Amino acid sequence: MQTYADTFRKAAAVALWISALAAALSASVVRAQPYGMPVTTTTANFGTPFAPYVDDYTRVTKLVSAKQLKEALVDADRYLESKPKDPQMRFIKGVILSEMGQSADAMSLFTTLSQDYPELPEPYNNLAVLYAADNQFVQARTALEMAIRTNPSYATAHENLGDVYVKLASQSYNKALQLEPNKTTIQPKLALIRTLFDPPAKP
């Protein structure tokens, strides 16, 4: 399944994420926060979204790209000490934790991020990937459905949801085969599913 970890390995994706995040936050937050009114969160000043902090994001994502995950985590935590609600750095930290194999912490972070910013689809997607990696496919399906409900044009979530449906189908076919071992219609379906996920044999 695809995650945004791969996206963050490309420097160009940083600008795209900032733009998309700012647009999403603007749609839901600006109406409640008059422009120019003093605030203490990073969702203010949408005239120049996140401009003061682009270098911080870029530095951390470059560390992730270079596989310097411990250093990236230290920098992300240092940033979040002064801006604990910042959604982008929290998301990047979730990616870092995922890459470090700290799945439980990453799941907790993506869960709270999706609760704080339910209009953003990416945390739901990455949460689903972690659920799927733990064979929790029903929970993964629910998270991906939330991502798609938030953004129906989110192609990665649609693809991942398709993968989850295939995994759920595989579980059902295997259960059916346990109940009726001689049922001849099941094995061809399982074989077809295996071709979707097994790497092609080397010539």
N, C-alpha and C. Protein backbone atom coordinates (compact mmCIF):
# COMPACT_ATOMS: atom_id res chain seq x y z
N MET A 1 0.83 -1.20 0.00
CA MET A 1 0.00 0.00 0.00
C MET A 1 0.87 1.25 0.00
N GLN A 2 0.39 2.27 -0.64
CA GLN A 2 1.15 3.49 -0.75
C GLN A 2 0.92 4.40 0.45
N THR A 3 2.00 5.02 0.91
CA THR A 3 1.88 5.99 1.99
C THR A 3 2.48 7.30 1.53
N TYR A 4 2.33 8.33 2.37
CA TYR A 4 2.94 9.60 2.04
C TYR A 4 4.40 9.64 2.45
N ALA A 5 4.92 8.55 2.98
CA ALA A 5 6.36 8.52 3.27
C ALA A 5 7.15 8.67 1.98
N ASP A 6 6.70 7.99 0.90
CA ASP A 6 7.40 8.10 -0.37
C ASP A 6 7.32 9.52 -0.90
N THR A 7 6.19 10.15 -0.72
CA THR A 7 6.02 11.52 -1.19
C THR A 7 7.00 12.45 -0.51
N PHE A 8 7.18 12.25 0.79
CA PHE A 8 8.04 13.15 1.54
C PHE A 8 9.51 12.95 1.20
N ARG A 9 9.83 11.90 0.46
CA ARG A 9 11.22 11.73 0.05
C ARG A 9 11.56 12.62 -1.14
N LYS A 10 10.57 13.27 -1.71
CA LYS A 10 10.79 14.14 -2.86
C LYS A 10 10.62 15.59 -2.42
N ALA A 11 11.60 16.39 -2.67
CA ALA A 11 11.55 17.77 -2.18
C ALA A 11 10.37 18.54 -2.74
N ALA A 12 10.00 18.25 -3.98
CA ALA A 12 8.90 19.01 -4.60
C ALA A 12 7.59 18.80 -3.88
N ALA A 13 7.45 17.66 -3.21
CA ALA A 13 6.19 17.36 -2.54
C ALA A 13 5.94 18.26 -1.35
N VAL A 14 7.00 18.84 -0.80
CA VAL A 14 6.83 19.71 0.37
C VAL A 14 5.94 20.90 0.02
N ALA A 15 6.23 21.52 -1.11
CA ALA A 15 5.43 22.68 -1.52
C ALA A 15 4.00 22.28 -1.80
N LEU A 16 3.79 21.12 -2.43
CA LEU A 16 2.44 20.66 -2.72
C LEU A 16 1.66 20.41 -1.44
N TRP A 17 2.33 19.80 -0.46
CA TRP A 17 1.66 19.51 0.82
C TRP A 17 1.28 20.81 1.52
N ILE A 18 2.18 21.77 1.54
CA ILE A 18 1.91 23.04 2.19
C ILE A 18 0.71 23.71 1.55
N SER A 19 0.68 23.71 0.21
CA SER A 19 -0.42 24.35 -0.50
C SER A 19 -1.74 23.67 -0.21
N ALA A 20 -1.75 22.33 -0.28
CA ALA A 20 -2.99 21.59 -0.04
C ALA A 20 -3.46 21.72 1.39
N LEU A 21 -2.51 21.66 2.32
CA LEU A 21 -2.86 21.78 3.73
C LEU A 21 -3.43 23.16 4.03
N ALA A 22 -2.79 24.18 3.49
CA ALA A 22 -3.28 25.53 3.73
C ALA A 22 -4.67 25.72 3.18
N ALA A 23 -4.94 25.16 1.99
CA ALA A 23 -6.26 25.29 1.39
C ALA A 23 -7.31 24.59 2.24
N ALA A 24 -6.96 23.39 2.73
CA ALA A 24 -7.92 22.65 3.54
C ALA A 24 -8.21 23.37 4.84
N LEU A 25 -7.15 23.87 5.47
CA LEU A 25 -7.35 24.58 6.72
C LEU A 25 -8.10 25.88 6.51
N SER A 26 -7.82 26.56 5.41
CA SER A 26 -8.51 27.81 5.12
C SER A 26 -10.01 27.59 5.02
N ALA A 27 -10.39 26.49 4.38
CA ALA A 27 -11.80 26.22 4.15
C ALA A 27 -12.57 26.05 5.44
N SER A 28 -11.90 25.54 6.48
CA SER A 28 -12.62 25.21 7.70
C SER A 28 -12.31 26.14 8.87
N VAL A 29 -11.19 26.84 8.82
CA VAL A 29 -10.76 27.61 9.98
C VAL A 29 -10.93 29.10 9.79
N VAL A 30 -10.66 29.61 8.60
CA VAL A 30 -10.63 31.05 8.40
C VAL A 30 -11.95 31.71 8.74
N ARG A 31 -13.06 31.04 8.44
CA ARG A 31 -14.35 31.66 8.73
C ARG A 31 -14.52 31.92 10.22
N ALA A 32 -13.91 31.08 11.06
CA ALA A 32 -14.03 31.27 12.50
C ALA A 32 -12.93 32.15 13.06
N GLN A 33 -11.92 32.44 12.24
CA GLN A 33 -10.79 33.23 12.71
C GLN A 33 -10.63 34.44 11.78
N PRO A 34 -11.16 35.60 12.16
CA PRO A 34 -11.03 36.79 11.31
C PRO A 34 -9.57 37.09 11.01
N TYR A 35 -9.32 37.45 9.76
CA TYR A 35 -7.95 37.76 9.35
C TYR A 35 -7.42 38.95 10.13
N GLY A 36 -6.17 38.82 10.62
CA GLY A 36 -5.55 39.91 11.34
C GLY A 36 -5.78 39.85 12.84
N MET A 37 -6.66 38.98 13.28
CA MET A 37 -6.92 38.85 14.71
C MET A 37 -5.79 38.06 15.35
N PRO A 38 -5.23 38.52 16.49
CA PRO A 38 -4.12 37.80 17.11
C PRO A 38 -4.52 36.38 17.51
N VAL A 39 -3.71 35.42 17.12
CA VAL A 39 -3.94 34.02 17.48
C VAL A 39 -2.60 33.40 17.84
N THR A 40 -2.65 32.17 18.34
CA THR A 40 -1.41 31.51 18.75
C THR A 40 -1.17 30.21 17.99
N THR A 41 -1.96 29.94 16.94
CA THR A 41 -1.76 28.70 16.20
C THR A 41 -1.22 29.00 14.82
N THR A 42 -0.74 27.95 14.14
CA THR A 42 -0.17 28.12 12.81
C THR A 42 -1.24 28.20 11.75
N THR A 43 -2.52 28.21 12.11
CA THR A 43 -3.56 28.29 11.10
C THR A 43 -3.92 29.73 10.80
N ALA A 44 -3.19 30.68 11.36
CA ALA A 44 -3.49 32.09 11.11
C ALA A 44 -2.73 32.60 9.90
N ASN A 45 -3.03 33.84 9.50
CA ASN A 45 -2.31 34.52 8.43
C ASN A 45 -2.31 33.72 7.14
N PHE A 46 -3.50 33.41 6.64
CA PHE A 46 -3.59 32.61 5.44
C PHE A 46 -3.20 33.35 4.18
N GLY A 47 -2.91 34.65 4.30
CA GLY A 47 -2.43 35.36 3.13
C GLY A 47 -1.08 34.82 2.66
N THR A 48 -0.26 34.34 3.60
CA THR A 48 1.03 33.71 3.28
C THR A 48 1.13 32.41 4.07
N PRO A 49 0.39 31.38 3.65
CA PRO A 49 0.28 30.16 4.46
C PRO A 49 1.63 29.50 4.70
N PHE A 50 1.93 29.37 5.99
CA PHE A 50 3.10 28.62 6.45
C PHE A 50 4.43 29.19 5.97
N ALA A 51 4.43 30.35 5.35
CA ALA A 51 5.67 30.89 4.78
C ALA A 51 6.80 30.99 5.80
N PRO A 52 6.55 31.40 7.07
CA PRO A 52 7.68 31.53 8.00
C PRO A 52 8.34 30.21 8.36
N TYR A 53 7.66 29.09 8.08
CA TYR A 53 8.14 27.82 8.60
C TYR A 53 8.51 26.81 7.51
N VAL A 54 8.54 27.23 6.25
CA VAL A 54 8.86 26.31 5.17
C VAL A 54 10.22 25.66 5.38
N ASP A 55 11.20 26.42 5.81
CA ASP A 55 12.55 25.88 5.97
C ASP A 55 12.58 24.77 7.02
N ASP A 56 11.80 24.90 8.07
CA ASP A 56 11.75 23.85 9.09
C ASP A 56 11.22 22.55 8.49
N TYR A 57 10.13 22.64 7.75
CA TYR A 57 9.56 21.46 7.11
C TYR A 57 10.56 20.83 6.14
N THR A 58 11.16 21.68 5.32
CA THR A 58 12.10 21.19 4.32
C THR A 58 13.28 20.48 4.97
N ARG A 59 13.81 21.06 6.04
CA ARG A 59 14.97 20.46 6.72
C ARG A 59 14.62 19.08 7.26
N VAL A 60 13.46 18.97 7.90
CA VAL A 60 13.09 17.69 8.49
C VAL A 60 12.81 16.65 7.41
N THR A 61 12.11 17.05 6.35
CA THR A 61 11.81 16.07 5.30
C THR A 61 13.06 15.63 4.56
N LYS A 62 14.04 16.52 4.46
CA LYS A 62 15.31 16.11 3.84
C LYS A 62 16.02 15.08 4.71
N LEU A 63 15.93 15.25 6.02
CA LEU A 63 16.52 14.25 6.91
C LEU A 63 15.82 12.91 6.76
N VAL A 64 14.50 12.94 6.61
CA VAL A 64 13.75 11.70 6.39
C VAL A 64 14.20 11.06 5.09
N SER A 65 14.32 11.87 4.04
CA SER A 65 14.74 11.36 2.75
C SER A 65 16.12 10.72 2.81
N ALA A 66 16.97 11.28 3.66
CA ALA A 66 18.34 10.76 3.81
C ALA A 66 18.41 9.61 4.81
N LYS A 67 17.25 9.18 5.31
CA LYS A 67 17.18 8.09 6.29
C LYS A 67 17.83 8.45 7.62
N GLN A 68 17.96 9.73 7.90
CA GLN A 68 18.48 10.18 9.19
C GLN A 68 17.28 10.40 10.12
N LEU A 69 16.65 9.29 10.46
CA LEU A 69 15.36 9.37 11.13
C LEU A 69 15.46 9.89 12.56
N LYS A 70 16.49 9.50 13.29
CA LYS A 70 16.63 9.98 14.67
C LYS A 70 16.81 11.49 14.69
N GLU A 71 17.65 11.99 13.77
CA GLU A 71 17.85 13.44 13.70
C GLU A 71 16.57 14.14 13.29
N ALA A 72 15.83 13.55 12.36
CA ALA A 72 14.57 14.13 11.91
C ALA A 72 13.57 14.20 13.05
N LEU A 73 13.53 13.15 13.86
CA LEU A 73 12.59 13.11 14.98
C LEU A 73 12.96 14.17 16.02
N VAL A 74 14.25 14.34 16.29
CA VAL A 74 14.69 15.36 17.24
C VAL A 74 14.27 16.74 16.76
N ASP A 75 14.48 17.02 15.46
CA ASP A 75 14.11 18.33 14.92
C ASP A 75 12.60 18.53 14.94
N ALA A 76 11.85 17.48 14.62
CA ALA A 76 10.39 17.60 14.64
C ALA A 76 9.89 17.87 16.05
N ASP A 77 10.42 17.16 17.01
CA ASP A 77 10.01 17.37 18.41
C ASP A 77 10.38 18.77 18.89
N ARG A 78 11.56 19.24 18.49
CA ARG A 78 11.98 20.58 18.89
C ARG A 78 11.01 21.63 18.31
N TYR A 79 10.62 21.44 17.07
CA TYR A 79 9.67 22.36 16.44
C TYR A 79 8.32 22.32 17.16
N LEU A 80 7.87 21.12 17.49
CA LEU A 80 6.55 20.96 18.09
C LEU A 80 6.50 21.43 19.55
N GLU A 81 7.65 21.60 20.17
CA GLU A 81 7.65 22.14 21.53
C GLU A 81 7.03 23.53 21.58
N SER A 82 7.28 24.32 20.55
CA SER A 82 6.73 25.67 20.51
C SER A 82 5.44 25.75 19.70
N LYS A 83 5.18 24.75 18.86
CA LYS A 83 3.98 24.76 18.03
C LYS A 83 3.33 23.38 18.07
N PRO A 84 2.84 22.96 19.21
CA PRO A 84 2.38 21.58 19.40
C PRO A 84 1.17 21.20 18.55
N LYS A 85 0.41 22.16 18.06
CA LYS A 85 -0.78 21.86 17.27
C LYS A 85 -0.53 21.89 15.78
N ASP A 86 0.70 22.22 15.37
CA ASP A 86 0.99 22.35 13.95
C ASP A 86 0.69 21.04 13.21
N PRO A 87 -0.26 21.04 12.28
CA PRO A 87 -0.68 19.78 11.66
C PRO A 87 0.36 19.19 10.73
N GLN A 88 1.08 20.04 9.99
CA GLN A 88 2.04 19.50 9.04
C GLN A 88 3.20 18.80 9.73
N MET A 89 3.77 19.44 10.76
CA MET A 89 4.91 18.82 11.44
C MET A 89 4.46 17.58 12.21
N ARG A 90 3.26 17.61 12.74
CA ARG A 90 2.74 16.41 13.40
C ARG A 90 2.62 15.26 12.39
N PHE A 91 2.15 15.61 11.19
CA PHE A 91 2.04 14.58 10.16
C PHE A 91 3.42 14.02 9.79
N ILE A 92 4.38 14.93 9.59
CA ILE A 92 5.73 14.49 9.26
C ILE A 92 6.29 13.61 10.38
N LYS A 93 6.02 13.98 11.63
CA LYS A 93 6.48 13.15 12.75
C LYS A 93 5.85 11.77 12.68
N GLY A 94 4.58 11.70 12.30
CA GLY A 94 3.94 10.40 12.15
C GLY A 94 4.61 9.56 11.09
N VAL A 95 5.01 10.20 9.99
CA VAL A 95 5.75 9.49 8.94
C VAL A 95 7.07 8.98 9.49
N ILE A 96 7.76 9.82 10.24
CA ILE A 96 9.05 9.42 10.83
C ILE A 96 8.87 8.21 11.75
N LEU A 97 7.88 8.27 12.62
CA LEU A 97 7.64 7.15 13.54
C LEU A 97 7.30 5.87 12.77
N SER A 98 6.53 6.01 11.69
CA SER A 98 6.22 4.85 10.87
C SER A 98 7.48 4.25 10.27
N GLU A 99 8.34 5.12 9.74
CA GLU A 99 9.58 4.67 9.13
C GLU A 99 10.51 4.02 10.15
N MET A 100 10.41 4.44 11.41
CA MET A 100 11.25 3.88 12.47
C MET A 100 10.68 2.59 13.04
N GLY A 101 9.51 2.21 12.58
CA GLY A 101 8.88 0.98 13.07
C GLY A 101 8.12 1.16 14.37
N GLN A 102 7.92 2.40 14.78
CA GLN A 102 7.16 2.68 16.01
C GLN A 102 5.68 2.85 15.64
N SER A 103 5.08 1.74 15.24
CA SER A 103 3.74 1.79 14.66
C SER A 103 2.69 2.26 15.65
N ALA A 104 2.78 1.82 16.90
CA ALA A 104 1.76 2.19 17.89
C ALA A 104 1.77 3.70 18.11
N ASP A 105 2.96 4.29 18.21
CA ASP A 105 3.06 5.73 18.41
C ASP A 105 2.57 6.48 17.16
N ALA A 106 2.91 5.95 16.00
CA ALA A 106 2.47 6.58 14.75
C ALA A 106 0.95 6.52 14.62
N MET A 107 0.37 5.39 14.96
CA MET A 107 -1.09 5.25 14.90
C MET A 107 -1.77 6.23 15.84
N SER A 108 -1.22 6.35 17.04
CA SER A 108 -1.79 7.29 18.00
C SER A 108 -1.72 8.72 17.48
N LEU A 109 -0.59 9.07 16.87
CA LEU A 109 -0.42 10.43 16.36
C LEU A 109 -1.39 10.69 15.21
N PHE A 110 -1.47 9.77 14.24
CA PHE A 110 -2.37 9.97 13.10
C PHE A 110 -3.83 10.00 13.55
N THR A 111 -4.15 9.22 14.58
CA THR A 111 -5.53 9.22 15.09
C THR A 111 -5.89 10.58 15.67
N THR A 112 -5.03 11.11 16.53
CA THR A 112 -5.32 12.41 17.13
C THR A 112 -5.29 13.52 16.07
N LEU A 113 -4.42 13.39 15.08
CA LEU A 113 -4.35 14.39 14.02
C LEU A 113 -5.63 14.40 13.20
N SER A 114 -6.16 13.20 12.92
CA SER A 114 -7.42 13.13 12.16
C SER A 114 -8.60 13.65 12.98
N GLN A 115 -8.50 13.52 14.29
CA GLN A 115 -9.55 14.08 15.15
C GLN A 115 -9.47 15.60 15.22
N ASP A 116 -8.25 16.12 15.26
CA ASP A 116 -8.07 17.57 15.34
C ASP A 116 -8.36 18.26 14.01
N TYR A 117 -8.01 17.57 12.91
CA TYR A 117 -8.20 18.13 11.57
C TYR A 117 -8.91 17.11 10.69
N PRO A 118 -10.19 16.85 10.94
CA PRO A 118 -10.91 15.81 10.19
C PRO A 118 -11.08 16.12 8.71
N GLU A 119 -10.79 17.36 8.31
CA GLU A 119 -10.91 17.72 6.90
C GLU A 119 -9.71 17.30 6.07
N LEU A 120 -8.64 16.81 6.72
CA LEU A 120 -7.44 16.38 6.00
C LEU A 120 -7.47 14.87 5.77
N PRO A 121 -7.37 14.41 4.52
CA PRO A 121 -7.46 12.98 4.24
C PRO A 121 -6.19 12.19 4.51
N GLU A 122 -5.02 12.84 4.45
CA GLU A 122 -3.76 12.11 4.54
C GLU A 122 -3.56 11.36 5.86
N PRO A 123 -3.90 11.95 7.00
CA PRO A 123 -3.74 11.17 8.24
C PRO A 123 -4.58 9.90 8.26
N TYR A 124 -5.80 9.97 7.69
CA TYR A 124 -6.63 8.76 7.62
C TYR A 124 -5.95 7.70 6.76
N ASN A 125 -5.37 8.12 5.64
CA ASN A 125 -4.71 7.18 4.76
C ASN A 125 -3.54 6.49 5.44
N ASN A 126 -2.68 7.28 6.08
CA ASN A 126 -1.52 6.69 6.73
C ASN A 126 -1.90 5.82 7.92
N LEU A 127 -2.97 6.19 8.60
CA LEU A 127 -3.48 5.35 9.68
C LEU A 127 -3.95 4.02 9.12
N ALA A 128 -4.62 4.07 7.97
CA ALA A 128 -5.10 2.84 7.33
C ALA A 128 -3.95 1.92 6.94
N VAL A 129 -2.87 2.51 6.44
CA VAL A 129 -1.70 1.71 6.06
C VAL A 129 -1.15 0.95 7.27
N LEU A 130 -1.10 1.62 8.40
CA LEU A 130 -0.60 0.98 9.61
C LEU A 130 -1.55 -0.11 10.09
N TYR A 131 -2.86 0.15 10.00
CA TYR A 131 -3.82 -0.89 10.35
C TYR A 131 -3.64 -2.12 9.44
N ALA A 132 -3.50 -1.87 8.16
CA ALA A 132 -3.36 -2.98 7.21
C ALA A 132 -2.10 -3.78 7.47
N ALA A 133 -1.02 -3.09 7.81
CA ALA A 133 0.23 -3.78 8.11
C ALA A 133 0.09 -4.70 9.31
N ASP A 134 -0.87 -4.37 10.18
CA ASP A 134 -1.14 -5.17 11.37
C ASP A 134 -2.31 -6.14 11.15
N ASN A 135 -2.69 -6.31 9.86
CA ASN A 135 -3.79 -7.20 9.48
C ASN A 135 -5.13 -6.79 10.07
N GLN A 136 -5.27 -5.53 10.41
CA GLN A 136 -6.55 -5.01 10.89
C GLN A 136 -7.27 -4.36 9.70
N PHE A 137 -7.75 -5.20 8.79
CA PHE A 137 -8.25 -4.70 7.52
C PHE A 137 -9.60 -4.00 7.65
N VAL A 138 -10.42 -4.39 8.60
CA VAL A 138 -11.70 -3.70 8.78
C VAL A 138 -11.46 -2.26 9.22
N GLN A 139 -10.55 -2.09 10.19
CA GLN A 139 -10.21 -0.74 10.65
C GLN A 139 -9.56 0.07 9.52
N ALA A 140 -8.74 -0.60 8.72
CA ALA A 140 -8.11 0.08 7.59
C ALA A 140 -9.16 0.54 6.60
N ARG A 141 -10.13 -0.29 6.33
CA ARG A 141 -11.21 0.09 5.41
C ARG A 141 -11.96 1.32 5.93
N THR A 142 -12.26 1.33 7.22
CA THR A 142 -12.98 2.46 7.80
C THR A 142 -12.19 3.75 7.66
N ALA A 143 -10.89 3.69 7.94
CA ALA A 143 -10.05 4.88 7.84
C ALA A 143 -9.97 5.38 6.40
N LEU A 144 -9.85 4.47 5.45
CA LEU A 144 -9.77 4.87 4.04
C LEU A 144 -11.09 5.45 3.55
N GLU A 145 -12.19 4.89 4.03
CA GLU A 145 -13.49 5.45 3.67
C GLU A 145 -13.63 6.88 4.18
N MET A 146 -13.05 7.14 5.35
CA MET A 146 -13.06 8.51 5.88
C MET A 146 -12.19 9.42 5.01
N ALA A 147 -11.05 8.93 4.59
CA ALA A 147 -10.17 9.72 3.72
C ALA A 147 -10.88 10.09 2.43
N ILE A 148 -11.58 9.12 1.84
CA ILE A 148 -12.26 9.36 0.57
C ILE A 148 -13.47 10.26 0.77
N ARG A 149 -14.15 10.11 1.89
CA ARG A 149 -15.27 11.00 2.19
C ARG A 149 -14.78 12.45 2.31
N THR A 150 -13.60 12.60 2.89
CA THR A 150 -13.02 13.92 3.04
C THR A 150 -12.58 14.50 1.69
N ASN A 151 -11.97 13.65 0.87
CA ASN A 151 -11.51 14.08 -0.46
C ASN A 151 -11.79 12.97 -1.47
N PRO A 152 -12.92 13.04 -2.17
CA PRO A 152 -13.28 11.98 -3.13
C PRO A 152 -12.28 11.84 -4.28
N SER A 153 -11.41 12.83 -4.48
CA SER A 153 -10.44 12.76 -5.57
C SER A 153 -9.08 12.24 -5.12
N TYR A 154 -9.01 11.70 -3.93
CA TYR A 154 -7.74 11.23 -3.35
C TYR A 154 -7.43 9.84 -3.91
N ALA A 155 -6.66 9.81 -4.99
CA ALA A 155 -6.42 8.56 -5.73
C ALA A 155 -5.71 7.51 -4.88
N THR A 156 -4.72 7.93 -4.07
CA THR A 156 -3.98 6.97 -3.25
C THR A 156 -4.90 6.22 -2.31
N ALA A 157 -5.85 6.94 -1.70
CA ALA A 157 -6.78 6.28 -0.78
C ALA A 157 -7.68 5.30 -1.53
N HIS A 158 -8.10 5.66 -2.73
CA HIS A 158 -8.92 4.74 -3.53
C HIS A 158 -8.13 3.47 -3.85
N GLU A 159 -6.88 3.63 -4.25
CA GLU A 159 -6.06 2.46 -4.56
C GLU A 159 -5.86 1.59 -3.31
N ASN A 160 -5.54 2.24 -2.20
CA ASN A 160 -5.34 1.48 -0.96
C ASN A 160 -6.62 0.78 -0.52
N LEU A 161 -7.77 1.43 -0.71
CA LEU A 161 -9.03 0.79 -0.36
C LEU A 161 -9.26 -0.45 -1.22
N GLY A 162 -8.90 -0.36 -2.49
CA GLY A 162 -8.99 -1.54 -3.35
C GLY A 162 -8.13 -2.68 -2.83
N ASP A 163 -6.91 -2.36 -2.40
CA ASP A 163 -6.03 -3.40 -1.83
C ASP A 163 -6.64 -4.02 -0.58
N VAL A 164 -7.26 -3.18 0.25
CA VAL A 164 -7.87 -3.69 1.49
C VAL A 164 -9.04 -4.60 1.16
N TYR A 165 -9.85 -4.23 0.18
CA TYR A 165 -10.96 -5.08 -0.21
C TYR A 165 -10.46 -6.45 -0.69
N VAL A 166 -9.35 -6.43 -1.42
CA VAL A 166 -8.77 -7.70 -1.90
C VAL A 166 -8.31 -8.55 -0.72
N LYS A 167 -7.67 -7.91 0.27
CA LYS A 167 -7.22 -8.65 1.46
C LYS A 167 -8.42 -9.23 2.22
N LEU A 168 -9.49 -8.45 2.33
CA LEU A 168 -10.69 -8.94 3.01
C LEU A 168 -11.29 -10.10 2.23
N ALA A 169 -11.27 -10.00 0.90
CA ALA A 169 -11.78 -11.10 0.08
C ALA A 169 -10.95 -12.36 0.29
N SER A 170 -9.63 -12.18 0.38
CA SER A 170 -8.75 -13.33 0.62
C SER A 170 -9.08 -14.01 1.94
N GLN A 171 -9.32 -13.22 2.97
CA GLN A 171 -9.69 -13.79 4.27
C GLN A 171 -10.98 -14.58 4.17
N SER A 172 -11.96 -14.05 3.45
CA SER A 172 -13.24 -14.74 3.31
C SER A 172 -13.10 -16.02 2.51
N TYR A 173 -12.31 -15.99 1.44
CA TYR A 173 -12.10 -17.19 0.64
C TYR A 173 -11.39 -18.27 1.45
N ASN A 174 -10.40 -17.88 2.23
CA ASN A 174 -9.69 -18.85 3.06
C ASN A 174 -10.61 -19.46 4.12
N LYS A 175 -11.48 -18.64 4.68
CA LYS A 175 -12.45 -19.15 5.65
C LYS A 175 -13.39 -20.13 4.98
N ALA A 176 -13.84 -19.80 3.79
CA ALA A 176 -14.73 -20.70 3.06
C ALA A 176 -14.04 -22.03 2.75
N LEU A 177 -12.74 -21.94 2.42
CA LEU A 177 -11.99 -23.16 2.11
C LEU A 177 -11.81 -24.02 3.35
N GLN A 178 -11.67 -23.40 4.52
CA GLN A 178 -11.59 -24.18 5.76
C GLN A 178 -12.90 -24.91 6.04
N LEU A 179 -14.00 -24.24 5.72
CA LEU A 179 -15.31 -24.84 5.99
C LEU A 179 -15.66 -25.92 4.97
N GLU A 180 -15.22 -25.71 3.72
CA GLU A 180 -15.50 -26.68 2.66
C GLU A 180 -14.22 -26.91 1.85
N PRO A 181 -13.32 -27.77 2.34
CA PRO A 181 -12.01 -27.97 1.69
C PRO A 181 -12.11 -28.48 0.25
N ASN A 182 -13.20 -29.12 -0.10
CA ASN A 182 -13.32 -29.71 -1.44
C ASN A 182 -14.01 -28.79 -2.43
N LYS A 183 -14.31 -27.58 -2.03
CA LYS A 183 -14.99 -26.64 -2.92
C LYS A 183 -14.01 -26.15 -3.97
N THR A 184 -14.25 -26.50 -5.22
CA THR A 184 -13.27 -26.26 -6.29
C THR A 184 -13.26 -24.83 -6.82
N THR A 185 -14.24 -24.05 -6.48
CA THR A 185 -14.30 -22.69 -7.04
C THR A 185 -13.45 -21.69 -6.28
N ILE A 186 -12.93 -22.09 -5.11
CA ILE A 186 -12.24 -21.12 -4.26
C ILE A 186 -10.77 -20.96 -4.63
N GLN A 187 -10.08 -22.07 -4.88
CA GLN A 187 -8.64 -22.00 -5.14
C GLN A 187 -8.28 -21.08 -6.31
N PRO A 188 -9.01 -21.13 -7.43
CA PRO A 188 -8.67 -20.20 -8.53
C PRO A 188 -8.77 -18.73 -8.12
N LYS A 189 -9.72 -18.42 -7.26
CA LYS A 189 -9.86 -17.04 -6.81
C LYS A 189 -8.69 -16.64 -5.91
N LEU A 190 -8.29 -17.56 -5.03
CA LEU A 190 -7.13 -17.28 -4.18
C LEU A 190 -5.86 -17.14 -5.01
N ALA A 191 -5.74 -17.96 -6.03
CA ALA A 191 -4.56 -17.88 -6.89
C ALA A 191 -4.52 -16.54 -7.61
N LEU A 192 -5.68 -16.06 -8.04
CA LEU A 192 -5.74 -14.77 -8.71
C LEU A 192 -5.33 -13.64 -7.76
N ILE A 193 -5.78 -13.72 -6.53
CA ILE A 193 -5.41 -12.70 -5.54
C ILE A 193 -3.91 -12.72 -5.29
N ARG A 194 -3.33 -13.89 -5.23
CA ARG A 194 -1.88 -13.97 -4.98
C ARG A 194 -1.09 -13.29 -6.10
N THR A 195 -1.59 -13.37 -7.32
CA THR A 195 -0.88 -12.72 -8.43
C THR A 195 -0.86 -11.21 -8.28
N LEU A 196 -1.81 -10.65 -7.54
CA LEU A 196 -1.87 -9.20 -7.37
C LEU A 196 -0.80 -8.70 -6.41
N PHE A 197 -0.39 -9.54 -5.45
CA PHE A 197 0.50 -9.08 -4.40
C PHE A 197 1.89 -9.75 -4.42
N ASP A 198 1.98 -10.95 -5.00
CA ASP A 198 3.26 -11.61 -5.04
C ASP A 198 4.12 -10.99 -6.14
N PRO A 199 5.41 -10.76 -5.88
CA PRO A 199 6.29 -10.20 -6.92
C PRO A 199 6.46 -11.20 -8.05
N PRO A 200 6.58 -10.71 -9.30
CA PRO A 200 6.76 -11.63 -10.44
C PRO A 200 8.07 -12.40 -10.32
N ALA A 201 8.03 -13.64 -10.76
CA ALA A 201 9.22 -14.48 -10.72
C ALA A 201 10.30 -13.93 -11.65
N LYS A 202 11.55 -13.99 -11.19
CA LYS A 202 12.65 -13.53 -12.02
C LYS A 202 12.89 -14.50 -13.18
N PRO A 203 13.14 -13.98 -14.39
CA PRO A 203 13.37 -14.88 -15.52
C PRO A 203 14.66 -15.66 -15.37
